[in-house]
């Protein structure tokens, strides 16, 4: 790994930055919702984790709206992605 770091510094830092972003998101989720999953069944655990990350993403959208004045255009995004669930 040190050789890769020495020879390809830019690529190494790009990959490391992606990893650090993922780890910081996991840390934010664990701080807000706790680090334990309470469900016993495997499917229930998967659903609980998905719901936790859904809530985390919704909280980030709300933060973006109120703190930074970012107003996402969901209708435009849905039209570009060809959403059929909302219709």
PDB file of N, CA and C in Angstrom:
ATOM      1  N   UNK A   1       0.818  -1.192   0.000  1.00  0.00           N
ATOM      2  CA  UNK A   1       0.000   0.000   0.000  1.00  0.00           C
ATOM      3  C   UNK A   1       0.866   1.261   0.000  1.00  0.00           C
ATOM      4  N   UNK A   2       1.994   1.196   0.698  1.00  0.00           N
ATOM      5  CA  UNK A   2       2.862   2.370   0.711  1.00  0.00           C
ATOM      6  C   UNK A   2       3.425   2.646  -0.675  1.00  0.00           C
ATOM      7  N   UNK A   3       3.766   1.575  -1.421  1.00  0.00           N
ATOM      8  CA  UNK A   3       4.239   1.770  -2.789  1.00  0.00           C
ATOM      9  C   UNK A   3       3.157   2.410  -3.654  1.00  0.00           C
ATOM     10  N   UNK A   4       1.922   1.931  -3.514  1.00  0.00           N
ATOM     11  CA  UNK A   4       0.815   2.513  -4.275  1.00  0.00           C
ATOM     12  C   UNK A   4       0.619   3.978  -3.903  1.00  0.00           C
ATOM     13  N   UNK A   5       0.712   4.273  -2.611  1.00  0.00           N
ATOM     14  CA  UNK A   5       0.595   5.649  -2.135  1.00  0.00           C
ATOM     15  C   UNK A   5       1.709   6.515  -2.724  1.00  0.00           C
ATOM     16  N   UNK A   6       2.916   5.981  -2.742  1.00  0.00           N
ATOM     17  CA  UNK A   6       4.061   6.754  -3.236  1.00  0.00           C
ATOM     18  C   UNK A   6       3.993   6.994  -4.737  1.00  0.00           C
ATOM     19  N   UNK A   7       3.557   5.982  -5.481  1.00  0.00           N
ATOM     20  CA  UNK A   7       3.576   6.077  -6.943  1.00  0.00           C
ATOM     21  C   UNK A   7       2.334   6.753  -7.521  1.00  0.00           C
ATOM     22  N   UNK A   8       1.197   6.591  -6.861  1.00  0.00           N
ATOM     23  CA  UNK A   8      -0.066   7.111  -7.385  1.00  0.00           C
ATOM     24  C   UNK A   8      -0.789   7.919  -6.300  1.00  0.00           C
ATOM     25  N   UNK A   9      -0.180   8.979  -5.895  1.00  0.00           N
ATOM     26  CA  UNK A   9      -0.698   9.773  -4.777  1.00  0.00           C
ATOM     27  C   UNK A   9      -2.099  10.312  -5.048  1.00  0.00           C
ATOM     28  N   UNK A  10      -2.344  10.872  -6.232  1.00  0.00           N
ATOM     29  CA  UNK A  10      -3.649  11.469  -6.548  1.00  0.00           C
ATOM     30  C   UNK A  10      -4.761  10.431  -6.515  1.00  0.00           C
ATOM     31  N   UNK A  11      -4.524   9.273  -7.121  1.00  0.00           N
ATOM     32  CA  UNK A  11      -5.526   8.211  -7.120  1.00  0.00           C
ATOM     33  C   UNK A  11      -5.761   7.684  -5.705  1.00  0.00           C
ATOM     34  N   UNK A  12      -4.691   7.546  -4.937  1.00  0.00           N
ATOM     35  CA  UNK A  12      -4.811   7.075  -3.560  1.00  0.00           C
ATOM     36  C   UNK A  12      -5.661   8.041  -2.745  1.00  0.00           C
ATOM     37  N   UNK A  13      -5.408   9.325  -2.867  1.00  0.00           N
ATOM     38  CA  UNK A  13      -6.150  10.312  -2.092  1.00  0.00           C
ATOM     39  C   UNK A  13      -7.617  10.366  -2.519  1.00  0.00           C
ATOM     40  N   UNK A  14      -7.883  10.174  -3.813  1.00  0.00           N
ATOM     41  CA  UNK A  14      -9.265  10.151  -4.291  1.00  0.00           C
ATOM     42  C   UNK A  14     -10.016   8.982  -3.652  1.00  0.00           C
ATOM     43  N   UNK A  15      -9.417   7.800  -3.671  1.00  0.00           N
ATOM     44  CA  UNK A  15     -10.055   6.622  -3.067  1.00  0.00           C
ATOM     45  C   UNK A  15     -10.186   6.786  -1.558  1.00  0.00           C
ATOM     46  N   UNK A  16      -9.181   7.329  -0.924  1.00  0.00           N
ATOM     47  CA  UNK A  16      -9.227   7.515   0.521  1.00  0.00           C
ATOM     48  C   UNK A  16     -10.316   8.514   0.900  1.00  0.00           C
ATOM     49  N   UNK A  17     -10.481   9.559   0.092  1.00  0.00           N
ATOM     50  CA  UNK A  17     -11.506  10.555   0.376  1.00  0.00           C
ATOM     51  C   UNK A  17     -12.901   9.939   0.262  1.00  0.00           C
ATOM     52  N   UNK A  18     -13.110   9.072  -0.711  1.00  0.00           N
ATOM     53  CA  UNK A  18     -14.396   8.386  -0.827  1.00  0.00           C
ATOM     54  C   UNK A  18     -14.663   7.541   0.412  1.00  0.00           C
ATOM     55  N   UNK A  19     -13.638   6.844   0.878  1.00  0.00           N
ATOM     56  CA  UNK A  19     -13.779   6.005   2.064  1.00  0.00           C
ATOM     57  C   UNK A  19     -14.067   6.865   3.298  1.00  0.00           C
ATOM     58  N   UNK A  20     -13.379   7.979   3.437  1.00  0.00           N
ATOM     59  CA  UNK A  20     -13.604   8.825   4.608  1.00  0.00           C
ATOM     60  C   UNK A  20     -15.011   9.413   4.598  1.00  0.00           C
ATOM     61  N   UNK A  21     -15.571   9.691   3.410  1.00  0.00           N
ATOM     62  CA  UNK A  21     -16.951  10.166   3.328  1.00  0.00           C
ATOM     63  C   UNK A  21     -17.929   9.106   3.823  1.00  0.00           C
ATOM     64  N   UNK A  22     -17.710   7.864   3.429  1.00  0.00           N
ATOM     65  CA  UNK A  22     -18.579   6.778   3.874  1.00  0.00           C
ATOM     66  C   UNK A  22     -18.488   6.614   5.382  1.00  0.00           C
ATOM     67  N   UNK A  23     -17.281   6.629   5.910  1.00  0.00           N
ATOM     68  CA  UNK A  23     -17.099   6.454   7.353  1.00  0.00           C
ATOM     69  C   UNK A  23     -17.713   7.607   8.139  1.00  0.00           C
ATOM     70  N   UNK A  24     -17.635   8.821   7.626  1.00  0.00           N
ATOM     71  CA  UNK A  24     -18.241   9.943   8.347  1.00  0.00           C
ATOM     72  C   UNK A  24     -19.765   9.830   8.337  1.00  0.00           C
ATOM     73  N   UNK A  25     -20.346   9.305   7.250  1.00  0.00           N
ATOM     74  CA  UNK A  25     -21.789   9.102   7.218  1.00  0.00           C
ATOM     75  C   UNK A  25     -22.222   8.030   8.217  1.00  0.00           C
ATOM     76  N   UNK A  26     -21.467   6.936   8.303  1.00  0.00           N
ATOM     77  CA  UNK A  26     -21.786   5.910   9.292  1.00  0.00           C
ATOM     78  C   UNK A  26     -21.695   6.480  10.702  1.00  0.00           C
ATOM     79  N   UNK A  27     -20.707   7.309  10.955  1.00  0.00           N
ATOM     80  CA  UNK A  27     -20.560   7.915  12.270  1.00  0.00           C
ATOM     81  C   UNK A  27     -21.748   8.824  12.593  1.00  0.00           C
ATOM     82  N   UNK A  28     -22.197   9.620  11.616  1.00  0.00           N
ATOM     83  CA  UNK A  28     -23.353  10.492  11.840  1.00  0.00           C
ATOM     84  C   UNK A  28     -24.599   9.679  12.169  1.00  0.00           C
ATOM     85  N   UNK A  29     -24.798   8.570  11.443  1.00  0.00           N
ATOM     86  CA  UNK A  29     -25.969   7.730  11.681  1.00  0.00           C
ATOM     87  C   UNK A  29     -25.894   7.098  13.066  1.00  0.00           C
ATOM     88  N   UNK A  30     -24.719   6.607  13.443  1.00  0.00           N
ATOM     89  CA  UNK A  30     -24.579   5.968  14.751  1.00  0.00           C
ATOM     90  C   UNK A  30     -24.772   6.959  15.887  1.00  0.00           C
ATOM     91  N   UNK A  31     -24.322   8.186  15.713  1.00  0.00           N
ATOM     92  CA  UNK A  31     -24.503   9.195  16.758  1.00  0.00           C
ATOM     93  C   UNK A  31     -25.974   9.580  16.916  1.00  0.00           C
ATOM     94  N   UNK A  32     -26.683   9.669  15.813  1.00  0.00           N
ATOM     95  CA  UNK A  32     -28.071  10.109  15.879  1.00  0.00           C
ATOM     96  C   UNK A  32     -29.019   8.981  16.291  1.00  0.00           C
ATOM     97  N   UNK A  33     -28.818   7.767  15.780  1.00  0.00           N
ATOM     98  CA  UNK A  33     -29.773   6.681  15.983  1.00  0.00           C
ATOM     99  C   UNK A  33     -29.246   5.552  16.865  1.00  0.00           C
ATOM    100  N   UNK A  34     -28.004   5.632  17.285  1.00  0.00           N
ATOM    101  CA  UNK A  34     -27.432   4.562  18.094  1.00  0.00           C
ATOM    102  C   UNK A  34     -26.759   3.516  17.220  1.00  0.00           C
ATOM    103  N   UNK A  35     -25.949   2.697  17.840  1.00  0.00           N
ATOM    104  CA  UNK A  35     -25.158   1.734  17.066  1.00  0.00           C
ATOM    105  C   UNK A  35     -25.742   0.335  17.090  1.00  0.00           C
ATOM    106  N   UNK A  36     -26.894   0.151  17.723  1.00  0.00           N
ATOM    107  CA  UNK A  36     -27.473  -1.190  17.824  1.00  0.00           C
ATOM    108  C   UNK A  36     -28.711  -1.310  16.946  1.00  0.00           C
ATOM    109  N   UNK A  37     -28.865  -2.489  16.358  1.00  0.00           N
ATOM    110  CA  UNK A  37     -30.071  -2.829  15.618  1.00  0.00           C
ATOM    111  C   UNK A  37     -30.902  -3.705  16.537  1.00  0.00           C
ATOM    112  N   UNK A  38     -32.165  -3.386  16.691  1.00  0.00           N
ATOM    113  CA  UNK A  38     -32.982  -4.051  17.698  1.00  0.00           C
ATOM    114  C   UNK A  38     -33.747  -5.266  17.176  1.00  0.00           C
ATOM    115  N   UNK A  39     -33.855  -5.414  15.881  1.00  0.00           N
ATOM    116  CA  UNK A  39     -34.620  -6.517  15.314  1.00  0.00           C
ATOM    117  C   UNK A  39     -33.849  -7.831  15.410  1.00  0.00           C
ATOM    118  N   UNK A  40     -34.594  -8.926  15.536  1.00  0.00           N
ATOM    119  CA  UNK A  40     -33.974 -10.249  15.665  1.00  0.00           C
ATOM    120  C   UNK A  40     -33.898 -10.975  14.319  1.00  0.00           C
ATOM    121  N   UNK A  41     -34.920 -10.851  13.537  1.00  0.00           N
ATOM    122  CA  UNK A  41     -34.996 -11.522  12.243  1.00  0.00           C
ATOM    123  C   UNK A  41     -34.079 -10.817  11.235  1.00  0.00           C
ATOM    124  N   UNK A  42     -33.467 -11.579  10.354  1.00  0.00           N
ATOM    125  CA  UNK A  42     -32.524 -10.994   9.386  1.00  0.00           C
ATOM    126  C   UNK A  42     -33.208 -10.005   8.447  1.00  0.00           C
ATOM    127  N   UNK A  43     -34.385 -10.355   7.950  1.00  0.00           N
ATOM    128  CA  UNK A  43     -35.115  -9.431   7.071  1.00  0.00           C
ATOM    129  C   UNK A  43     -35.518  -8.168   7.820  1.00  0.00           C
ATOM    130  N   UNK A  44     -35.931  -8.340   9.065  1.00  0.00           N
ATOM    131  CA  UNK A  44     -36.303  -7.178   9.879  1.00  0.00           C
ATOM    132  C   UNK A  44     -35.108  -6.281  10.147  1.00  0.00           C
ATOM    133  N   UNK A  45     -33.942  -6.886  10.368  1.00  0.00           N
ATOM    134  CA  UNK A  45     -32.725  -6.081  10.568  1.00  0.00           C
ATOM    135  C   UNK A  45     -32.401  -5.278   9.326  1.00  0.00           C
ATOM    136  N   UNK A  46     -32.494  -5.927   8.167  1.00  0.00           N
ATOM    137  CA  UNK A  46     -32.221  -5.216   6.909  1.00  0.00           C
ATOM    138  C   UNK A  46     -33.183  -4.044   6.732  1.00  0.00           C
ATOM    139  N   UNK A  47     -34.460  -4.277   7.013  1.00  0.00           N
ATOM    140  CA  UNK A  47     -35.452  -3.211   6.875  1.00  0.00           C
ATOM    141  C   UNK A  47     -35.206  -2.094   7.878  1.00  0.00           C
ATOM    142  N   UNK A  48     -34.804  -2.450   9.097  1.00  0.00           N
ATOM    143  CA  UNK A  48     -34.524  -1.431  10.103  1.00  0.00           C
ATOM    144  C   UNK A  48     -33.352  -0.554   9.682  1.00  0.00           C
ATOM    145  N   UNK A  49     -32.319  -1.168   9.156  1.00  0.00           N
ATOM    146  CA  UNK A  49     -31.146  -0.402   8.702  1.00  0.00           C
ATOM    147  C   UNK A  49     -31.514   0.502   7.528  1.00  0.00           C
ATOM    148  N   UNK A  50     -32.309  -0.022   6.595  1.00  0.00           N
ATOM    149  CA  UNK A  50     -32.743   0.808   5.467  1.00  0.00           C
ATOM    150  C   UNK A  50     -33.587   1.988   5.938  1.00  0.00           C
ATOM    151  N   UNK A  51     -34.464   1.755   6.904  1.00  0.00           N
ATOM    152  CA  UNK A  51     -35.287   2.849   7.446  1.00  0.00           C
ATOM    153  C   UNK A  51     -34.438   3.884   8.168  1.00  0.00           C
ATOM    154  N   UNK A  52     -33.420   3.429   8.876  1.00  0.00           N
ATOM    155  CA  UNK A  52     -32.529   4.364   9.571  1.00  0.00           C
ATOM    156  C   UNK A  52     -31.828   5.273   8.565  1.00  0.00           C
ATOM    157  N   UNK A  53     -31.321   4.690   7.477  1.00  0.00           N
ATOM    158  CA  UNK A  53     -30.638   5.513   6.481  1.00  0.00           C
ATOM    159  C   UNK A  53     -31.616   6.389   5.700  1.00  0.00           C
ATOM    160  N   UNK A  54     -32.851   5.922   5.519  1.00  0.00           N
ATOM    161  CA  UNK A  54     -33.862   6.767   4.899  1.00  0.00           C
ATOM    162  C   UNK A  54     -34.141   7.987   5.776  1.00  0.00           C
ATOM    163  N   UNK A  55     -34.299   7.761   7.080  1.00  0.00           N
ATOM    164  CA  UNK A  55     -34.510   8.879   8.007  1.00  0.00           C
ATOM    165  C   UNK A  55     -33.310   9.817   8.014  1.00  0.00           C
ATOM    166  N   UNK A  56     -32.114   9.263   7.960  1.00  0.00           N
ATOM    167  CA  UNK A  56     -30.902  10.087   7.926  1.00  0.00           C
ATOM    168  C   UNK A  56     -30.895  10.977   6.681  1.00  0.00           C
ATOM    169  N   UNK A  57     -31.248  10.412   5.532  1.00  0.00           N
ATOM    170  CA  UNK A  57     -31.267  11.196   4.297  1.00  0.00           C
ATOM    171  C   UNK A  57     -32.339  12.277   4.340  1.00  0.00           C
ATOM    172  N   UNK A  58     -33.501  11.957   4.912  1.00  0.00           N
ATOM    173  CA  UNK A  58     -34.559  12.962   5.038  1.00  0.00           C
ATOM    174  C   UNK A  58     -34.105  14.094   5.955  1.00  0.00           C
ATOM    175  N   UNK A  59     -33.436  13.742   7.051  1.00  0.00           N
ATOM    176  CA  UNK A  59     -32.917  14.779   7.952  1.00  0.00           C
ATOM    177  C   UNK A  59     -31.897  15.673   7.255  1.00  0.00           C
ATOM    178  N   UNK A  60     -31.061  15.097   6.403  1.00  0.00           N
ATOM    179  CA  UNK A  60     -30.099  15.912   5.655  1.00  0.00           C
ATOM    180  C   UNK A  60     -30.796  16.825   4.652  1.00  0.00           C
ATOM    181  N   UNK A  61     -31.880  16.343   4.039  1.00  0.00           N
ATOM    182  CA  UNK A  61     -32.654  17.212   3.142  1.00  0.00           C
ATOM    183  C   UNK A  61     -33.266  18.384   3.904  1.00  0.00           C
ATOM    184  N   UNK A  62     -33.828  18.101   5.065  1.00  0.00           N
ATOM    185  CA  UNK A  62     -34.426  19.162   5.881  1.00  0.00           C
ATOM    186  C   UNK A  62     -33.360  20.164   6.309  1.00  0.00           C
ATOM    187  N   UNK A  63     -32.203  19.664   6.704  1.00  0.00           N
ATOM    188  CA  UNK A  63     -31.103  20.555   7.097  1.00  0.00           C
ATOM    189  C   UNK A  63     -30.682  21.436   5.920  1.00  0.00           C
ATOM    190  N   UNK A  64     -30.592  20.843   4.738  1.00  0.00           N
ATOM    191  CA  UNK A  64     -30.221  21.616   3.557  1.00  0.00           C
ATOM    192  C   UNK A  64     -31.227  22.706   3.237  1.00  0.00           C
ATOM    193  N   UNK A  65     -32.503  22.410   3.448  1.00  0.00           N
ATOM    194  CA  UNK A  65     -33.548  23.390   3.165  1.00  0.00           C
ATOM    195  C   UNK A  65     -33.494  24.549   4.152  1.00  0.00           C
ATOM    196  N   UNK A  66     -33.428  24.245   5.449  1.00  0.00           N
ATOM    197  CA  UNK A  66     -33.536  25.298   6.452  1.00  0.00           C
ATOM    198  C   UNK A  66     -32.216  26.010   6.742  1.00  0.00           C
ATOM    199  N   UNK A  67     -31.107  25.296   6.727  1.00  0.00           N
ATOM    200  CA  UNK A  67     -29.838  25.938   7.079  1.00  0.00           C
ATOM    201  C   UNK A  67     -29.126  26.554   5.887  1.00  0.00           C
ATOM    202  N   UNK A  68     -29.249  25.938   4.720  1.00  0.00           N
ATOM    203  CA  UNK A  68     -28.475  26.397   3.568  1.00  0.00           C
ATOM    204  C   UNK A  68     -29.331  26.992   2.459  1.00  0.00           C
ATOM    205  N   UNK A  69     -30.651  26.938   2.598  1.00  0.00           N
ATOM    206  CA  UNK A  69     -31.529  27.512   1.589  1.00  0.00           C
ATOM    207  C   UNK A  69     -31.549  26.748   0.288  1.00  0.00           C
ATOM    208  N   UNK A  70     -31.295  25.466   0.351  1.00  0.00           N
ATOM    209  CA  UNK A  70     -31.314  24.623  -0.845  1.00  0.00           C
ATOM    210  C   UNK A  70     -32.719  24.037  -0.977  1.00  0.00           C
ATOM    211  N   UNK A  71     -33.381  24.329  -2.078  1.00  0.00           N
ATOM    212  CA  UNK A  71     -34.728  23.823  -2.301  1.00  0.00           C
ATOM    213  C   UNK A  71     -34.707  22.861  -3.490  1.00  0.00           C
ATOM    214  N   UNK A  72     -34.705  21.552  -3.233  1.00  0.00           N
ATOM    215  CA  UNK A  72     -34.652  20.581  -4.323  1.00  0.00           C
ATOM    216  C   UNK A  72     -35.955  20.572  -5.114  1.00  0.00           C
ATOM    217  N   UNK A  73     -35.845  20.433  -6.409  1.00  0.00           N
ATOM    218  CA  UNK A  73     -37.008  20.359  -7.293  1.00  0.00           C
ATOM    219  C   UNK A  73     -37.295  18.883  -7.562  1.00  0.00           C
ATOM    220  N   UNK A  74     -38.133  18.278  -6.719  1.00  0.00           N
ATOM    221  CA  UNK A  74     -38.392  16.845  -6.822  1.00  0.00           C
ATOM    222  C   UNK A  74     -39.151  16.487  -8.087  1.00  0.00           C
ATOM    223  N   UNK A  75     -40.020  17.373  -8.542  1.00  0.00           N
ATOM    224  CA  UNK A  75     -40.774  17.085  -9.762  1.00  0.00           C
ATOM    225  C   UNK A  75     -39.833  16.993 -10.961  1.00  0.00           C
ATOM    226  N   UNK A  76     -38.887  17.916 -11.056  1.00  0.00           N
ATOM    227  CA  UNK A  76     -37.927  17.891 -12.155  1.00  0.00           C
ATOM    228  C   UNK A  76     -37.039  16.644 -12.059  1.00  0.00           C
ATOM    229  N   UNK A  77     -36.606  16.329 -10.831  1.00  0.00           N
ATOM    230  CA  UNK A  77     -35.768  15.147 -10.645  1.00  0.00           C
ATOM    231  C   UNK A  77     -36.528  13.877 -11.014  1.00  0.00           C
ATOM    232  N   UNK A  78     -37.806  13.836 -10.688  1.00  0.00           N
ATOM    233  CA  UNK A  78     -38.619  12.670 -10.992  1.00  0.00           C
ATOM    234  C   UNK A  78     -38.825  12.538 -12.501  1.00  0.00           C
ATOM    235  N   UNK A  79     -39.034  13.647 -13.181  1.00  0.00           N
ATOM    236  CA  UNK A  79     -39.201  13.593 -14.634  1.00  0.00           C
ATOM    237  C   UNK A  79     -37.925  13.123 -15.322  1.00  0.00           C
ATOM    238  N   UNK A  80     -36.773  13.548 -14.818  1.00  0.00           N
ATOM    239  CA  UNK A  80     -35.510  13.124 -15.414  1.00  0.00           C
ATOM    240  C   UNK A  80     -35.242  11.644 -15.153  1.00  0.00           C
ATOM    241  N   UNK A  81     -35.708  11.131 -14.029  1.00  0.00           N
ATOM    242  CA  UNK A  81     -35.465   9.745 -13.671  1.00  0.00           C
ATOM    243  C   UNK A  81     -36.605   8.836 -14.140  1.00  0.00           C
ATOM    244  N   UNK A  82     -37.642   9.395 -14.776  1.00  0.00           N
ATOM    245  CA  UNK A  82     -38.781   8.638 -15.239  1.00  0.00           C
ATOM    246  C   UNK A  82     -39.464   7.887 -14.097  1.00  0.00           C
ATOM    247  N   UNK A  83     -39.837   8.630 -13.055  1.00  0.00           N
ATOM    248  CA  UNK A  83     -40.505   8.029 -11.895  1.00  0.00           C
ATOM    249  C   UNK A  83     -41.944   7.691 -12.247  1.00  0.00           C
ATOM    250  N   UNK A  84     -42.339   6.473 -11.987  1.00  0.00           N
ATOM    251  CA  UNK A  84     -43.725   6.081 -12.237  1.00  0.00           C
ATOM    252  C   UNK A  84     -44.472   5.847 -10.934  1.00  0.00           C
ATOM    253  N   UNK A  85     -43.792   5.854  -9.791  1.00  0.00           N
ATOM    254  CA  UNK A  85     -44.462   5.585  -8.522  1.00  0.00           C
ATOM    255  C   UNK A  85     -45.279   6.766  -8.045  1.00  0.00           C
ATOM    256  N   UNK A  86     -44.883   7.990  -8.391  1.00  0.00           N
ATOM    257  CA  UNK A  86     -45.538   9.181  -7.862  1.00  0.00           C
ATOM    258  C   UNK A  86     -46.813   9.498  -8.646  1.00  0.00           C
ATOM    259  N   UNK A  87     -46.884   9.097  -9.886  1.00  0.00           N
ATOM    260  CA  UNK A  87     -48.036   9.444 -10.737  1.00  0.00           C
ATOM    261  C   UNK A  87     -49.300   8.865 -10.260  1.00  0.00           C
TER     262      UNK A  87
END
